[in-house]
Protein backbone atom coordinates (compact mmCIF):
# COMPACT_ATOMS: atom_id res chain seq x y z
CA MET A 1 83.90 97.86 97.42
CA TRP A 2 86.31 99.98 99.07
CA SER A 3 87.63 103.28 97.40
CA PHE A 4 90.25 105.51 98.88
CA ILE A 5 91.19 109.00 97.98
CA HIS A 6 95.07 109.48 98.03
CA PRO A 7 96.46 112.09 98.83
CA VAL A 8 93.63 114.09 100.52
CA SER A 9 94.19 116.46 103.32
CA SER A 10 90.89 116.73 104.57
CA PRO A 11 89.57 113.80 106.77
CA ASP A 12 86.01 114.62 105.65
CA VAL A 13 86.01 112.96 102.08
CA SER A 14 82.21 113.85 101.77
CA SER A 15 83.50 117.57 101.18
CA LEU A 16 84.96 116.24 98.07
CA VAL A 17 81.49 115.61 96.22
CA PRO A 18 80.75 119.09 95.12
CA THR A 19 84.55 119.53 93.90
CA ALA A 20 84.56 116.20 91.89
CA ALA A 21 84.39 116.94 88.26
CA ALA A 22 81.28 115.32 86.51
CA ALA A 23 83.64 113.49 84.11
CA ALA A 24 85.52 112.06 86.82
CA GLN A 25 82.40 111.01 88.73
CA ALA A 26 81.15 109.22 85.36
CA GLU A 27 84.46 107.64 85.01
CA PHE A 28 84.06 106.45 88.51
CA GLU A 29 80.77 105.06 87.97
CA ALA A 30 81.92 103.43 84.53
CA LYS A 31 84.92 101.85 86.24
CA TRP A 32 83.36 100.16 89.17
CA GLY A 33 79.52 100.22 88.30
CA LEU A 34 78.80 102.47 91.26
CA SER A 35 78.06 106.20 91.67
CA TRP A 36 80.50 108.43 93.60
CA ALA A 37 77.77 109.58 95.64
CA LYS A 38 76.54 106.14 96.58
CA ALA A 39 80.22 105.09 97.30
CA LEU A 40 80.43 108.10 99.77
CA GLU A 41 76.75 107.46 101.04
CA ASP A 42 77.58 103.90 101.83
CA GLY A 43 80.91 104.96 103.85
CA ASN A 44 83.26 103.36 101.29
CA VAL A 45 85.53 106.31 100.58
CA TYR A 46 88.56 107.14 102.92
CA SER A 47 91.41 109.34 102.71
CA ALA A 48 94.62 107.64 102.69
CA VAL A 49 95.03 108.15 106.48
CA ASP A 50 91.60 106.98 107.47
CA GLY A 51 91.87 103.92 104.99
CA CYS A 52 95.25 102.96 106.77
CA LYS A 53 93.11 103.01 109.97
CA LYS A 54 90.21 101.01 108.41
CA LEU A 55 92.63 98.49 106.93
CA GLY A 56 94.78 98.25 110.01
CA ILE A 57 98.08 99.05 107.82
CA ASP A 58 100.71 101.77 108.11
CA GLY A 59 101.75 104.34 105.51
CA GLU A 60 104.32 102.34 103.88
CA THR A 61 102.06 99.44 103.46
CA MET A 62 99.50 101.87 101.86
CA ASP A 63 101.92 103.18 99.73
CA THR A 64 103.00 99.47 98.35
CA ARG A 65 99.21 98.58 97.91
CA TRP A 66 98.72 102.17 96.37
CA GLY A 67 101.46 101.23 93.82
CA ALA A 68 99.84 97.91 92.98
CA THR A 69 96.55 99.61 92.68
CA LYS A 70 97.91 102.16 90.18
CA LYS A 71 99.83 99.50 88.40
CA ALA A 72 96.71 97.50 87.81
CA GLY A 73 94.92 100.69 86.56
CA GLU A 74 92.54 100.67 89.45
CA LEU A 75 92.61 104.54 89.74
CA VAL A 76 90.45 107.35 88.63
CA LYS A 77 91.96 110.83 88.58
CA PHE A 78 89.52 113.63 89.95
CA GLY A 79 92.07 116.32 89.41
CA GLY A 80 94.21 118.73 91.50
CA GLY A 81 96.23 115.78 92.54
CA PHE A 82 93.25 113.77 93.74
CA TYR A 83 92.87 110.16 92.92
CA CYS A 84 90.70 107.62 93.90
CA GLY A 85 91.78 103.87 93.77
CA LYS A 86 89.92 100.47 94.61
CA LEU A 87 91.76 98.88 97.28
CA ALA A 88 90.61 95.11 98.62
CA LEU A 89 90.16 94.96 102.21
CA SER A 90 93.00 92.18 102.43
CA ALA A 91 96.16 92.12 100.50
């Protein structure tokens, strides 16, 4: 599973662990069957910028894929404009 935070200004997404609300972490685990901490530990959480690099796509393509992810209901709101969405490795 590949999860992405969008938008996020910090390239170090692991710094979000303490600030992620407990309710959002619980929703993340309920939705995807994986704890937020484990997703981070496994290296499956990326900022939007790092996600583009990992997937080999540009910002416009990320925006299109993010829109599809949102439409499919594959997002969890962590608060303060931070969202996590599950994106497939390929389109």
